[in-house]
C-alpha atoms as a PDB file:
ATOM      1  CA  MET A   1      60.834  73.169  73.337  1.00  0.00           C
ATOM      2  CA  ASN A   2      63.821  74.813  73.273  1.00  0.00           C
ATOM      3  CA  ALA A   3      62.444  78.686  73.863  1.00  0.00           C
ATOM      4  CA  ARG A   4      60.935  77.037  77.042  1.00  0.00           C
ATOM      5  CA  LEU A   5      63.876  75.872  78.429  1.00  0.00           C
ATOM      6  CA  THR A   6      66.074  78.886  77.655  1.00  0.00           C
ATOM      7  CA  GLY A   7      62.916  80.861  79.626  1.00  0.00           C
ATOM      8  CA  ARG A   8      63.290  78.315  82.604  1.00  0.00           C
ATOM      9  CA  ALA A   9      67.373  78.759  82.728  1.00  0.00           C
ATOM     10  CA  ALA A  10      67.935  82.577  82.299  1.00  0.00           C
ATOM     11  CA  GLY A  11      64.839  82.518  85.689  1.00  0.00           C
ATOM     12  CA  ALA A  12      67.524  79.924  87.706  1.00  0.00           C
ATOM     13  CA  TRP A  13      70.091  82.375  86.580  1.00  0.00           C
ATOM     14  CA  GLY A  14      68.464  84.784  88.038  1.00  0.00           C
ATOM     15  CA  LEU A  15      67.222  83.275  91.212  1.00  0.00           C
ATOM     16  CA  VAL A  16      70.890  82.223  91.649  1.00  0.00           C
ATOM     17  CA  LEU A  17      72.161  85.772  90.934  1.00  0.00           C
ATOM     18  CA  ALA A  18      69.515  87.289  93.399  1.00  0.00           C
ATOM     19  CA  LEU A  19      70.584  84.942  96.228  1.00  0.00           C
ATOM     20  CA  PHE A  20      73.755  85.655  95.492  1.00  0.00           C
ATOM     21  CA  GLY A  21      73.156  89.459  95.901  1.00  0.00           C
ATOM     22  CA  SER A  22      71.695  89.199  99.208  1.00  0.00           C
ATOM     23  CA  ALA A  23      74.041  87.325 100.546  1.00  0.00           C
ATOM     24  CA  CYS A  24      76.830  89.064  99.630  1.00  0.00           C
ATOM     25  CA  ASP A  25      75.003  92.472 101.183  1.00  0.00           C
ATOM     26  CA  GLY A  26      78.260  93.969 103.098  1.00  0.00           C
ATOM     27  CA  GLN A  27      77.758  92.715 106.409  1.00  0.00           C
ATOM     28  CA  GLY A  28      79.655  89.438 106.587  1.00  0.00           C
ATOM     29  CA  PRO A  29      83.055  88.795 107.761  1.00  0.00           C
ATOM     30  CA  GLU A  30      85.663  91.032 105.137  1.00  0.00           C
ATOM     31  CA  GLY A  31      88.513  88.800 105.918  1.00  0.00           C
ATOM     32  CA  PRO A  32      91.067  90.223 107.523  1.00  0.00           C
ATOM     33  CA  GLY A  33      93.397  93.692 107.041  1.00  0.00           C
ATOM     34  CA  PHE A  34      94.177  96.791 108.456  1.00  0.00           C
ATOM     35  CA  VAL A  35      92.101  99.716 110.919  1.00  0.00           C
ATOM     36  CA  ASP A  36      93.774 102.895 111.959  1.00  0.00           C
ATOM     37  CA  VAL A  37      94.488 104.707 114.854  1.00  0.00           C
ATOM     38  CA  THR A  38      94.958 108.610 115.007  1.00  0.00           C
ATOM     39  CA  ILE A  39      95.617 110.112 118.218  1.00  0.00           C
ATOM     40  CA  GLY A  40      94.947 114.323 118.360  1.00  0.00           C
ATOM     41  CA  GLY A  41      94.782 116.803 120.871  1.00  0.00           C
ATOM     42  CA  PRO A  42      94.874 120.551 121.285  1.00  0.00           C
ATOM     43  CA  THR A  43      98.708 120.443 120.248  1.00  0.00           C
ATOM     44  CA  ALA A  44     100.924 118.538 118.091  1.00  0.00           C
ATOM     45  CA  VAL A  45     101.592 114.979 119.404  1.00  0.00           C
ATOM     46  CA  GLY A  46     105.379 113.261 119.878  1.00  0.00           C
ATOM     47  CA  ALA A  47     104.323 109.911 120.907  1.00  0.00           C
ATOM     48  CA  ALA A  48     101.962 107.345 123.052  1.00  0.00           C
ATOM     49  CA  VAL A  49     101.580 105.138 125.400  1.00  0.00           C
ATOM     50  CA  VAL A  50      97.921 103.248 125.145  1.00  0.00           C
ATOM     51  CA  ASN A  51      96.568  99.792 125.409  1.00  0.00           C
ATOM     52  CA  VAL A  52      94.729  98.254 122.387  1.00  0.00           C
ATOM     53  CA  SER A  53      91.841  95.641 123.203  1.00  0.00           C
ATOM     54  CA  GLY A  54      89.772  93.299 121.175  1.00  0.00           C
ATOM     55  CA  GLY A  55      89.784  89.922 119.886  1.00  0.00           C
ATOM     56  CA  GLY A  56      91.102  89.061 116.586  1.00  0.00           C
ATOM     57  CA  VAL A  57      93.791  91.513 116.444  1.00  0.00           C
ATOM     58  CA  THR A  58      97.320  90.338 115.318  1.00  0.00           C
ATOM     59  CA  ALA A  59     100.199  93.002 114.624  1.00  0.00           C
ATOM     60  CA  PHE A  60     100.771  96.763 114.634  1.00  0.00           C
ATOM     61  CA  GLU A  61     102.435  99.054 112.198  1.00  0.00           C
ATOM     62  CA  GLY A  62     103.496 102.900 112.031  1.00  0.00           C
ATOM     63  CA  ALA A  63     101.414 105.060 109.522  1.00  0.00           C
ATOM     64  CA  GLY A  64     102.258 108.596 108.445  1.00  0.00           C
ATOM     65  CA  GLY A  65     106.314 108.407 109.664  1.00  0.00           C
ATOM     66  CA  SER A  66     105.316 106.957 112.926  1.00  0.00           C
ATOM     67  CA  ARG A  67     107.192 103.972 114.838  1.00  0.00           C
ATOM     68  CA  VAL A  68     104.828 101.250 116.927  1.00  0.00           C
ATOM     69  CA  PHE A  69     106.497  99.109 119.459  1.00  0.00           C
ATOM     70  CA  ALA A  70     103.835  96.625 121.211  1.00  0.00           C
ATOM     71  CA  ALA A  71     104.148  93.690 123.680  1.00  0.00           C
ATOM     72  CA  PRO A  72     100.940  91.904 124.449  1.00  0.00           C
ATOM     73  CA  LEU A  73      98.935  91.809 128.431  1.00  0.00           C
ATOM     74  CA  PRO A  74      97.095  88.797 128.968  1.00  0.00           C
ATOM     75  CA  PRO A  75      93.507  88.361 127.975  1.00  0.00           C
ATOM     76  CA  GLU A  76      93.289  90.696 124.497  1.00  0.00           C
ATOM     77  CA  VAL A  77      95.277  93.257 124.886  1.00  0.00           C
ATOM     78  CA  HIS A  78      98.453  95.080 123.748  1.00  0.00           C
ATOM     79  CA  ARG A  79     100.339  97.854 125.418  1.00  0.00           C
ATOM     80  CA  VAL A  80     101.586  99.770 122.310  1.00  0.00           C
ATOM     81  CA  VAL A  81     103.894 102.659 122.319  1.00  0.00           C
ATOM     82  CA  VAL A  82     103.424 105.212 119.390  1.00  0.00           C
ATOM     83  CA  VAL A  83     106.491 107.035 118.205  1.00  0.00           C
ATOM     84  CA  GLY A  84     105.802 110.085 115.711  1.00  0.00           C
ATOM     85  CA  GLU A  85     108.365 112.279 113.633  1.00  0.00           C
ATOM     86  CA  SER A  86     106.428 115.280 113.785  1.00  0.00           C
ATOM     87  CA  GLY A  87     102.669 116.733 113.102  1.00  0.00           C
ATOM     88  CA  ALA A  88     100.182 117.225 114.736  1.00  0.00           C
ATOM     89  CA  HIS A  89      98.520 113.387 115.481  1.00  0.00           C
ATOM     90  CA  LEU A  90     100.135 110.310 115.908  1.00  0.00           C
ATOM     91  CA  ARG A  91      98.701 107.644 113.052  1.00  0.00           C
ATOM     92  CA  PHE A  92      99.685 104.168 113.473  1.00  0.00           C
ATOM     93  CA  ARG A  93      96.964 100.806 111.645  1.00  0.00           C
ATOM     94  CA  VAL A  94      96.028  97.794 113.810  1.00  0.00           C
ATOM     95  CA  ARG A  95      96.077  94.080 111.865  1.00  0.00           C
ATOM     96  CA  VAL A  96      93.005  92.444 112.671  1.00  0.00           C
ATOM     97  CA  GLU A  97      91.334  88.885 111.845  1.00  0.00           C
ATOM     98  CA  ASP A  98      88.656  90.709 110.710  1.00  0.00           C
ATOM     99  CA  ARG A  99      88.309  94.055 109.071  1.00  0.00           C
ATOM    100  CA  GLY A 100      83.787  93.600 109.593  1.00  0.00           C
ATOM    101  CA  ALA A 101      84.505  92.710 113.429  1.00  0.00           C
ATOM    102  CA  THR A 102      84.059  94.781 116.554  1.00  0.00           C
ATOM    103  CA  LEU A 103      86.618  98.118 115.688  1.00  0.00           C
ATOM    104  CA  PRO A 104      89.687  97.360 118.753  1.00  0.00           C
ATOM    105  CA  THR A 105      89.015  99.940 121.581  1.00  0.00           C
ATOM    106  CA  VAL A 106      92.134 102.173 122.472  1.00  0.00           C
ATOM    107  CA  VAL A 107      92.347 103.522 125.753  1.00  0.00           C
ATOM    108  CA  LEU A 108      95.366 106.090 126.053  1.00  0.00           C
ATOM    109  CA  LEU A 109      97.580 105.570 128.730  1.00  0.00           C
ATOM    110  CA  SER A 110      99.904 108.287 128.109  1.00  0.00           C
ATOM    111  CA  VAL A 111     100.685 110.976 125.776  1.00  0.00           C
ATOM    112  CA  VAL A 112     103.577 113.837 125.021  1.00  0.00           C
ATOM    113  CA  ASP A 113     103.588 116.878 123.061  1.00  0.00           C
ATOM    114  CA  ASP A 114     106.461 116.934 119.908  1.00  0.00           C
ATOM    115  CA  GLY A 115     108.826 118.712 122.447  1.00  0.00           C
ATOM    116  CA  ASN A 116     109.109 115.943 124.308  1.00  0.00           C
ATOM    117  CA  LEU A 117     106.890 116.776 127.387  1.00  0.00           C
ATOM    118  CA  PRO A 118     104.409 114.888 129.469  1.00  0.00           C
ATOM    119  CA  VAL A 119     100.733 116.369 128.544  1.00  0.00           C
ATOM    120  CA  TRP A 120      97.472 115.159 129.830  1.00  0.00           C
ATOM    121  CA  ALA A 121      96.022 112.047 128.366  1.00  0.00           C
ATOM    122  CA  GLY A 122      92.455 113.086 128.539  1.00  0.00           C
ATOM    123  CA  ASP A 123      92.986 116.163 126.460  1.00  0.00           C
ATOM    124  CA  TYR A 124      93.630 113.964 123.957  1.00  0.00           C
ATOM    125  CA  GLU A 125      91.529 110.901 121.588  1.00  0.00           C
ATOM    126  CA  ALA A 126      92.350 107.794 119.876  1.00  0.00           C
ATOM    127  CA  THR A 127      89.786 107.538 116.619  1.00  0.00           C
ATOM    128  CA  VAL A 128      89.677 104.022 115.368  1.00  0.00           C
ATOM    129  CA  ALA A 129      87.906 104.016 111.424  1.00  0.00           C
ATOM    130  CA  ARG A 130      88.391 100.869 109.050  1.00  0.00           C
END
């Protein structure tokens, strides 16, 4: 009888683990954290003004030596100025409530090169990644 109970208990634990494993398939929410934004183009980028839109955006921080200044614009839009030290690309991070949710949208409004000369923003791209 003990062997029978042990077999049933093992089977029950196997079922519990299988159900738990299927519930944790990576498709659920990941919780708060940062997503990375990189701005690049045909020349080195010195600074950029962007709009970041999407629900769950809570904060911004510089990355790779850049500095970030942000202000909210209703609804669910933030105007962000990113100023880089030097280098080909600008990088910054966006803090979100759920890293598993839809990524924020970043629209370039204005870009200057590393000599502080205005360049056409259409030649540059903002990439958002988890």
